[in-house]
Protein backbone atom coordinates (compact mmCIF):
# COMPACT_ATOMS: atom_id res chain seq x y z
CA MET A 1 134.39 84.63 112.12
CA ASN A 2 131.92 83.28 114.28
CA GLU A 3 132.26 85.94 117.36
CA LEU A 4 131.52 88.39 114.38
CA LEU A 5 128.48 87.05 113.33
CA ILE A 6 127.38 86.42 117.25
CA GLY A 7 128.37 90.01 117.83
CA ILE A 8 126.51 91.44 114.57
CA LEU A 9 123.25 89.12 115.78
CA LYS A 10 123.54 90.42 119.31
CA SER A 11 123.74 94.12 118.05
CA VAL A 12 120.78 93.47 116.22
CA TRP A 13 118.41 91.57 118.30
CA PHE A 14 119.59 94.63 121.03
CA LEU A 15 118.01 97.38 118.26
CA LEU A 16 115.14 94.89 117.69
CA LEU A 17 114.06 94.82 121.64
CA GLU A 18 114.69 98.18 121.55
CA MET A 19 111.85 99.10 118.71
CA SER A 20 109.15 96.45 118.71
CA PRO A 21 107.21 97.69 121.58
CA TYR A 22 106.44 101.05 120.09
CA LEU A 23 106.38 100.01 116.38
CA LEU A 24 103.43 97.14 117.18
CA PHE A 25 101.68 99.99 119.26
CA GLY A 26 102.36 102.35 116.36
CA PHE A 27 101.21 100.07 113.49
CA PHE A 28 97.84 99.36 115.56
CA ILE A 29 97.26 103.22 115.92
CA ALA A 30 97.90 103.79 112.44
CA GLY A 31 95.61 100.82 111.26
CA VAL A 32 92.78 103.13 114.01
CA LEU A 33 93.89 106.30 111.92
CA ASN A 34 93.25 104.74 108.51
CA LEU A 35 89.52 103.69 109.99
CA ILE A 36 88.47 107.21 111.37
CA ILE A 37 90.55 109.21 108.43
CA PRO A 38 89.74 107.31 105.18
CA ARG A 39 91.00 109.00 102.39
CA GLU A 40 87.81 110.48 101.18
CA LYS A 41 87.69 112.58 104.43
CA ILE A 42 91.48 113.60 103.48
CA TYR A 43 90.88 114.31 99.43
CA THR A 44 87.55 116.91 100.37
CA HIS A 45 89.76 119.40 102.13
CA LEU A 46 92.46 119.68 99.84
CA SER A 47 90.91 121.23 96.62
CA GLY A 48 93.35 124.68 95.41
CA ASN A 49 95.79 126.45 96.04
CA LYS A 50 94.80 128.04 98.96
CA LEU A 51 96.84 128.00 102.64
CA SER A 52 94.32 126.51 104.52
CA SER A 53 94.55 123.34 102.19
CA ILE A 54 98.11 123.22 102.24
CA ILE A 55 98.02 123.42 105.76
CA LYS A 56 95.60 120.81 105.97
CA ALA A 57 97.55 118.43 103.30
CA SER A 58 100.58 118.76 105.61
CA LEU A 59 98.88 117.70 108.76
CA PHE A 60 96.93 115.01 107.65
CA GLY A 61 100.15 113.75 105.89
CA VAL A 62 102.16 113.85 109.16
CA PRO A 63 100.64 110.92 111.04
CA LEU A 64 99.75 108.69 108.14
CA PRO A 65 102.42 105.99 108.09
CA LEU A 66 102.83 105.51 104.63
CA CYS A 67 106.46 105.09 102.99
CA SER A 68 107.69 107.16 99.60
CA CYS A 69 105.99 103.93 97.50
CA GLY A 70 102.65 104.00 99.34
CA VAL A 71 102.07 108.10 98.88
CA ILE A 72 102.63 108.04 95.24
CA PRO A 73 99.31 106.67 94.56
CA VAL A 74 97.44 108.29 97.22
CA ALA A 75 99.19 111.50 95.85
CA ALA A 76 98.11 110.87 92.28
CA TYR A 77 94.53 110.56 93.53
CA LEU A 78 94.61 113.58 95.10
CA ARG A 79 95.72 115.37 92.52
CA LYS A 80 93.08 114.15 90.03
CA GLU A 81 90.51 114.60 92.49
CA GLY A 82 91.08 117.95 92.57
CA ALA A 83 93.88 118.55 95.25
CA GLY A 84 96.29 121.70 93.92
CA LYS A 85 99.34 121.27 93.23
CA SER A 86 100.56 123.13 96.13
CA SER A 87 97.97 120.59 98.51
CA THR A 88 99.64 117.66 96.52
CA VAL A 89 103.58 118.57 96.88
CA SER A 90 102.31 119.36 100.48
CA PHE A 91 101.08 116.17 100.89
CA LEU A 92 104.03 114.08 99.32
CA SER A 93 106.42 116.20 101.50
CA SER A 94 105.19 115.54 105.21
CA THR A 95 104.19 112.32 104.91
CA PRO A 96 107.05 109.96 103.72
CA THR A 97 109.25 111.68 106.26
CA THR A 98 107.13 110.78 109.25
CA GLY A 99 104.10 108.76 111.33
CA VAL A 100 102.51 107.24 114.08
CA ASP A 101 104.64 104.41 114.10
CA SER A 102 107.69 105.92 113.28
CA ILE A 103 107.25 108.89 115.87
CA LEU A 104 107.10 106.08 118.20
CA ALA A 105 109.97 104.30 116.89
CA THR A 106 112.22 107.27 117.16
CA TYR A 107 111.65 108.29 120.45
CA SER A 108 112.56 104.29 121.50
CA LEU A 109 115.69 104.74 119.98
CA LEU A 110 116.48 108.70 119.41
CA GLY A 111 114.64 110.03 122.41
CA PRO A 112 112.55 112.67 122.97
CA LEU A 113 114.06 115.62 121.05
CA PHE A 114 114.16 113.39 117.59
CA ALA A 115 110.74 112.47 119.00
CA ILE A 116 109.74 115.62 118.91
CA ILE A 117 111.59 117.30 116.06
CA ARG A 118 111.09 115.22 113.35
CA PRO A 119 107.19 115.69 112.82
CA ILE A 120 107.50 119.50 113.06
CA ALA A 121 110.10 119.19 110.41
CA ALA A 122 108.17 117.15 108.87
CA PHE A 123 105.10 119.65 109.07
CA PHE A 124 107.36 122.62 108.17
CA ALA A 125 108.66 120.76 105.09
CA GLY A 126 105.10 120.48 103.78
CA ILE A 127 103.96 123.88 104.52
CA MET A 128 107.38 125.13 102.87
CA SER A 129 106.76 122.76 99.61
CA GLY A 130 102.96 123.85 99.53
CA SER A 131 103.48 127.89 100.10
CA LEU A 132 106.14 128.08 96.91
CA THR A 133 104.30 125.88 94.84
CA GLY A 134 101.03 127.65 95.72
CA ILE A 135 102.97 131.28 94.72
CA LEU A 136 104.59 129.56 91.79
CA GLU A 137 100.98 128.53 90.68
CA LYS A 138 98.96 131.51 90.73
CA LYS A 139 101.92 132.71 88.23
CA HIS A 140 100.74 129.99 85.85
CA ASN A 141 96.97 130.36 86.67
CA GLU A 142 96.55 126.32 86.96
CA ASP A 143 92.97 124.95 86.26
CA LYS A 144 91.16 123.70 89.49
CA ILE A 145 89.63 120.31 88.86
CA LYS A 146 86.25 119.34 90.04
CA LEU A 147 86.43 117.07 93.21
CA THR A 148 84.27 114.11 92.43
CA GLU A 149 81.30 113.36 94.98
CA GLY A 150 80.41 110.82 96.79
CA ASN A 151 82.59 108.53 99.35
CA SER A 152 83.13 104.78 99.33
CA CYS A 153 83.34 102.57 103.34
CA ILE A 154 87.36 102.35 104.08
CA ILE A 155 86.41 99.01 105.29
CA CYS A 156 84.38 97.31 102.20
CA ASN A 157 84.66 100.29 99.52
CA SER A 158 80.92 99.83 98.97
CA GLU A 159 78.91 103.41 98.44
CA ASP A 160 76.05 102.39 99.98
CA SER A 161 74.44 103.73 103.27
CA HIS A 162 75.31 100.81 105.84
CA SER A 163 77.44 100.51 109.09
CA HIS A 164 80.26 97.95 110.52
CA ASN A 165 79.89 96.14 113.73
CA PHE A 166 82.79 96.27 116.63
CA LEU A 167 84.19 93.46 115.93
CA GLU A 168 84.60 94.24 111.80
CA LYS A 169 86.24 97.36 112.54
CA ILE A 170 88.77 95.53 115.16
CA LYS A 171 89.48 93.39 112.16
CA TYR A 172 90.22 96.08 109.41
CA ILE A 173 92.26 98.10 112.13
CA LEU A 174 94.70 94.78 112.42
CA GLN A 175 94.34 93.80 109.41
CA TYR A 176 95.61 97.21 107.60
CA GLY A 177 97.54 97.71 110.63
CA PHE A 178 99.51 94.25 110.86
CA ILE A 179 99.22 92.84 107.36
CA GLU A 180 99.17 95.52 104.93
CA LEU A 181 101.27 98.06 106.43
CA ILE A 182 104.00 95.61 107.72
CA ASP A 183 103.76 94.41 103.84
CA ASP A 184 104.87 97.34 102.52
CA ALA A 185 107.37 98.65 105.28
CA GLY A 186 108.74 95.07 107.09
CA LYS A 187 111.52 94.44 104.45
CA TRP A 188 112.59 98.00 104.80
CA ILE A 189 112.58 98.04 108.92
CA LEU A 190 114.24 94.27 108.62
CA ILE A 191 117.38 96.20 106.49
CA GLY A 192 117.17 98.90 108.66
CA VAL A 193 117.67 96.86 111.78
CA ILE A 194 120.69 94.87 110.12
CA ALA A 195 122.33 97.80 108.70
CA GLY A 196 121.79 98.96 112.06
CA GLY A 197 123.20 96.21 113.83
CA ILE A 198 126.37 96.24 111.57
CA ILE A 199 127.50 99.69 111.94
CA GLY A 200 127.12 99.55 115.41
CA PHE A 201 129.34 96.65 115.71
CA ILE A 202 132.12 96.83 113.21
CA ILE A 203 132.43 100.57 112.61
CA PRO A 204 135.10 102.22 114.87
CA GLY A 205 133.42 105.34 116.67
CA ASP A 206 136.58 107.03 115.85
CA PHE A 207 136.03 106.72 112.41
CA ILE A 208 132.69 107.73 112.08
CA GLU A 209 133.71 110.92 114.22
CA GLN A 210 136.61 111.65 112.09
CA TYR A 211 134.12 111.85 109.03
CA LEU A 212 130.74 112.33 110.36
CA GLY A 213 131.50 114.39 113.52
CA ASN A 214 131.55 117.78 111.73
CA PRO A 215 128.94 119.06 110.55
CA LEU A 216 130.55 120.91 107.48
CA LEU A 217 131.34 117.34 106.36
CA ALA A 218 128.31 114.74 107.41
CA TYR A 219 125.62 117.04 106.11
CA PRO A 220 126.70 116.90 102.53
CA ILE A 221 127.39 113.40 102.79
CA MET A 222 124.51 112.49 104.33
CA LEU A 223 122.07 114.37 101.74
CA LEU A 224 123.95 112.58 98.73
CA ILE A 225 123.48 109.11 100.34
CA SER A 226 119.79 110.03 101.17
CA ILE A 227 118.10 111.87 98.63
CA PRO A 228 118.69 108.78 95.79
CA MET A 229 118.24 106.18 98.36
CA TYR A 230 114.88 104.06 98.99
CA ILE A 231 114.20 104.08 102.78
CA CYS A 232 111.01 104.00 104.64
CA ALA A 233 110.71 106.45 107.74
CA THR A 234 111.14 103.60 110.23
CA GLY A 235 113.81 101.74 108.61
CA SER A 236 115.91 104.45 108.55
CA ILE A 237 116.01 104.88 112.52
CA PRO A 238 117.98 102.46 113.46
CA ILE A 239 120.68 103.31 111.09
CA ALA A 240 120.91 106.83 111.97
CA ALA A 241 121.22 105.45 115.99
CA ALA A 242 124.32 103.36 115.12
CA LEU A 243 125.48 106.35 113.62
CA ILE A 244 124.75 108.85 116.19
CA ILE A 245 125.96 106.55 118.98
CA LYS A 246 129.30 105.98 116.91
CA GLY A 247 130.09 109.72 116.77
CA MET A 248 128.20 111.38 114.22
CA THR A 249 126.85 114.64 114.61
CA PRO A 250 122.96 114.25 115.82
CA GLY A 251 121.96 117.25 113.09
CA ALA A 252 122.94 115.29 110.46
CA GLY A 253 121.01 111.77 111.83
CA LEU A 254 118.16 114.22 111.56
CA ILE A 255 118.83 114.73 107.92
CA PHE A 256 119.19 111.27 106.90
CA LEU A 257 115.96 110.69 108.48
CA ILE A 258 114.49 113.39 106.45
CA ALA A 259 115.52 113.22 103.26
CA GLY A 260 116.03 109.47 103.41
CA PRO A 261 112.14 108.82 103.26
CA ALA A 262 111.49 111.61 101.42
CA THR A 263 113.07 111.59 98.59
CA ASN A 264 113.96 108.54 96.06
CA THR A 265 114.38 107.95 92.10
CA ALA A 266 110.78 106.52 92.38
CA THR A 267 109.17 109.98 94.12
CA LEU A 268 111.33 112.19 92.37
CA ALA A 269 110.15 110.64 89.10
CA PHE A 270 106.54 110.61 90.11
CA VAL A 271 106.61 114.33 90.57
CA SER A 272 108.68 115.75 87.74
CA GLY A 273 106.37 113.40 85.18
CA LYS A 274 103.11 114.61 86.92
CA LEU A 275 103.36 117.83 88.61
CA GLY A 276 106.48 119.34 86.25
CA LYS A 277 110.01 119.91 86.59
CA ARG A 278 109.21 123.50 88.34
CA ILE A 279 107.41 121.98 91.20
CA LEU A 280 110.09 119.12 91.11
CA PHE A 281 112.98 121.82 91.79
CA ILE A 282 110.55 123.46 94.73
CA TYR A 283 110.25 119.89 96.06
CA LEU A 284 113.51 118.96 96.23
CA PHE A 285 114.24 122.44 97.65
CA SER A 286 112.03 122.16 100.76
CA ILE A 287 112.98 118.94 101.59
CA ILE A 288 117.22 120.47 101.52
CA ILE A 289 116.52 123.61 103.72
CA THR A 290 114.07 122.12 105.94
CA ALA A 291 116.87 118.62 106.56
CA LEU A 292 119.39 121.42 106.60
CA LEU A 293 117.40 124.00 109.04
CA PHE A 294 116.52 121.47 111.57
CA GLY A 295 119.82 119.53 111.43
CA LEU A 296 121.44 122.83 112.38
CA ILE A 297 118.62 123.32 115.16
CA VAL A 298 119.25 119.92 116.59
CA ASP A 299 123.11 120.65 117.18
CA HIS A 300 122.39 123.66 118.32
CA ILE A 301 119.94 122.14 121.18
CA TRP A 302 122.28 119.32 121.81
CA LYS A 303 125.46 121.80 122.35
CA ILE A 304 123.71 124.23 124.72
CA SER A 305 122.14 121.27 126.89
CA GLY A 306 125.75 119.80 127.47
CA GLU A 307 125.59 117.52 124.91
CA ASP A 308 123.42 115.56 127.07
CA MET A 309 122.89 111.80 126.01
CA ASN A 310 119.60 111.58 127.40
CA LEU A 311 118.03 114.14 124.72
CA ILE A 312 119.28 111.42 121.88
CA THR A 313 119.33 108.16 123.12
CA GLY A 314 116.35 105.68 123.58
CA GLY A 315 113.22 106.65 125.91
CA MET A 316 112.09 103.01 126.78
CA LYS A 317 114.21 101.23 129.08
CA MET A 318 111.19 101.46 131.59
CA LEU A 319 109.61 98.95 129.55
CA PRO A 320 110.10 95.74 130.90
CA MET A 321 112.25 93.24 129.47
CA TRP A 322 109.61 90.04 129.04
CA LEU A 323 107.29 92.60 126.71
CA LYS A 324 110.64 93.95 124.64
CA ILE A 325 110.79 90.03 123.82
CA PHE A 326 107.64 88.98 123.45
CA SER A 327 106.82 92.81 120.90
CA ALA A 328 110.57 91.53 119.10
CA VAL A 329 108.93 88.15 118.31
CA ILE A 330 105.77 88.65 117.06
CA LEU A 331 107.26 91.87 115.00
CA SER A 332 109.83 89.32 113.38
CA GLY A 333 107.33 86.64 113.00
CA LEU A 334 105.34 89.81 111.11
CA MET A 335 108.35 90.24 108.91
CA ILE A 336 109.01 86.90 107.58
CA ARG A 337 106.12 86.74 107.08
CA ALA A 338 105.73 89.12 104.73
CA ILE A 339 108.83 88.45 103.43
CA GLY A 340 108.17 85.07 102.56
CA LYS A 341 104.96 86.45 100.69
CA ASN A 342 106.45 88.81 98.84
CA LEU A 343 109.53 86.69 97.81
CA SER A 344 106.82 84.10 97.07
CA ASN A 345 104.69 86.20 95.05
CA LYS A 346 108.01 88.03 92.70
CA PHE A 347 109.88 84.10 91.91
CA PHE A 348 106.94 81.74 92.62
CA LYS A 349 104.21 83.11 91.12
CA LYS A 350 105.04 85.91 88.61
CA ASN A 351 103.79 83.73 86.01
CA LYS A 352 100.47 82.74 87.87
CA GLU A 353 97.65 82.44 85.63
CA ILE A 354 98.44 85.06 82.80
CA ILE A 355 95.93 83.44 80.83
CA ASP A 356 93.00 84.30 78.79
CA MET A 357 90.57 86.31 80.84
CA LYS A 358 87.90 88.56 80.04
CA GLY A 359 90.13 91.80 81.22
CA ASN A 360 93.81 92.01 80.93
CA TYR A 361 94.83 95.29 82.71
CA LYS A 362 98.03 96.85 82.74
CA VAL A 363 99.01 99.23 85.81
CA GLN A 364 102.26 100.84 85.00
CA ASP A 365 102.63 102.43 88.74
CA MET A 366 101.80 99.46 90.76
CA THR A 367 104.95 98.96 92.59
CA CYS A 368 104.64 96.95 95.72
CA GLN A 369 101.97 94.47 97.67
CA HIS A 370 100.31 97.26 99.22
CA CYS A 371 99.49 98.40 96.02
CA VAL A 372 98.03 95.23 95.18
CA ASN A 373 96.35 94.99 98.15
CA THR A 374 94.79 98.49 97.39
CA ILE A 375 93.41 97.88 93.83
CA GLU A 376 92.10 94.29 94.89
CA ASN A 377 90.19 95.96 97.62
CA ALA A 378 88.83 98.30 95.64
CA LEU A 379 87.76 95.80 92.54
CA LYS A 380 86.11 93.83 95.34
CA PRO A 381 83.15 95.32 95.47
CA ILE A 382 82.32 95.67 91.68
CA GLN A 383 79.47 93.42 90.37
CA GLY A 384 79.76 90.66 88.48
CA ILE A 385 83.40 90.37 89.10
CA GLU A 386 83.96 86.37 89.69
CA LYS A 387 88.18 86.46 89.87
CA ILE A 388 90.73 88.64 90.27
CA ASN A 389 94.21 87.99 89.64
CA ILE A 390 96.97 90.47 89.98
CA SER A 391 100.84 90.19 89.09
CA LEU A 392 103.16 92.33 90.55
CA HIS A 393 105.92 91.43 88.60
CA ASP A 394 103.97 91.93 84.77
CA LYS A 395 101.62 94.82 86.50
CA LEU A 396 99.07 93.25 85.34
CA VAL A 397 95.62 93.08 86.34
CA GLN A 398 93.24 90.37 85.19
CA ILE A 399 89.42 90.17 85.70
CA ASP A 400 86.77 87.57 84.95
CA GLY A 401 83.30 87.72 85.11
CA GLU A 402 80.25 89.58 84.03
CA TYR A 403 81.20 93.05 85.01
CA ASP A 404 81.11 96.80 83.61
CA GLU A 405 84.49 97.94 82.18
CA ASN A 406 83.69 101.36 83.39
CA SER A 407 83.14 100.51 86.32
CA VAL A 408 86.42 98.86 86.77
CA ILE A 409 88.79 101.48 85.14
CA THR A 410 86.83 103.66 87.85
CA ALA A 411 87.73 102.02 90.53
CA ILE A 412 91.14 101.53 89.67
CA GLN A 413 91.98 105.29 89.09
CA LYS A 414 89.81 106.17 91.96
CA ALA A 415 92.59 104.20 94.43
CA GLY A 416 95.06 106.22 92.10
CA TYR A 417 96.86 104.22 89.63
CA SER A 418 97.27 104.59 85.64
CA ILE A 419 95.69 101.95 83.81
CA GLU A 420 95.26 100.93 79.98
CA LYS A 421 93.59 98.31 78.47
CA LYS A 422 95.53 95.44 76.72
């Protein structure tokens, strides 16, 4: 038993060492992108159902580090603020499948072929789903929604003309990249690393080769596993890497990397409820076709290359061991902090201050700590608010002070969430 545990821990530690430097760098780049390409800049380009809007939506989505959970409120606000259904679906398809953090982490464990193909597949999924939706919506004469005017500062949410110094911008980048994003994705990264370590150590290679080495079996099995499953783009990488090393066809691994992050019950319910069952069919169809098509492409490239393992294995062997260890320790600390915070909020603070306050608002589509941070940041600039209490467990936002209620409702809706007064 001790040998088994030690073996699994070694396998998990190896995966963490390989991923951590790229993940940390990716989270930093994500913070930079979020600063220079805030939501308001995205919204202004995505109105209507033109092909240019679909392409922009897919291009915007590829580098953004939003998982299936985090992309839902952004997509909801895109739709509400004037984005056509085709642009919204395009954004929903391309965004959760990849991101700057997952592209770098993909290279670290799965090499250059996956690192290149994965964002291309995400872009293709966005174009395909958006174009099919646009064709359908032309037949049904979708009403256009006027885009709201006025942009707010990404750092402080103020709409007044002002600027921030270099240190304030760096603080925001670090806060968003290493706190908010890891609060949102840390649990899933850790689950992925642990699952990958267990697969790598326990499951025999001949078992994987027998059942997942044949594309005719591996492709449908990966789709059946991936579609209802919730896993982030980065957390899926160590699982796919462990299976491929054990003998699963690389194309099946790519199917898992595409379909896993892009489809889950929450996302499918959102698409069905907000955009309609016809759009849900298009969304699922586009993701499945993209996954199968690019899975076949990866397997074909791998075979004509003579099954060169350098194409599908980690690309960061040149990094010094001290940097890997340092990065793994830092990332582990950040993930432990995030998981501890989330557990504390869930088990010890779920009934915190559910007391009489001036404003009590239900936000049913608040699903994670990232949602909590987004709503809190949206409310802070409102004049007259003295206290904000947000219970993720109860999906309740409580506010005290002398404030304008319409401003509160508008701020929460502008952040991408529905709201109802209790």
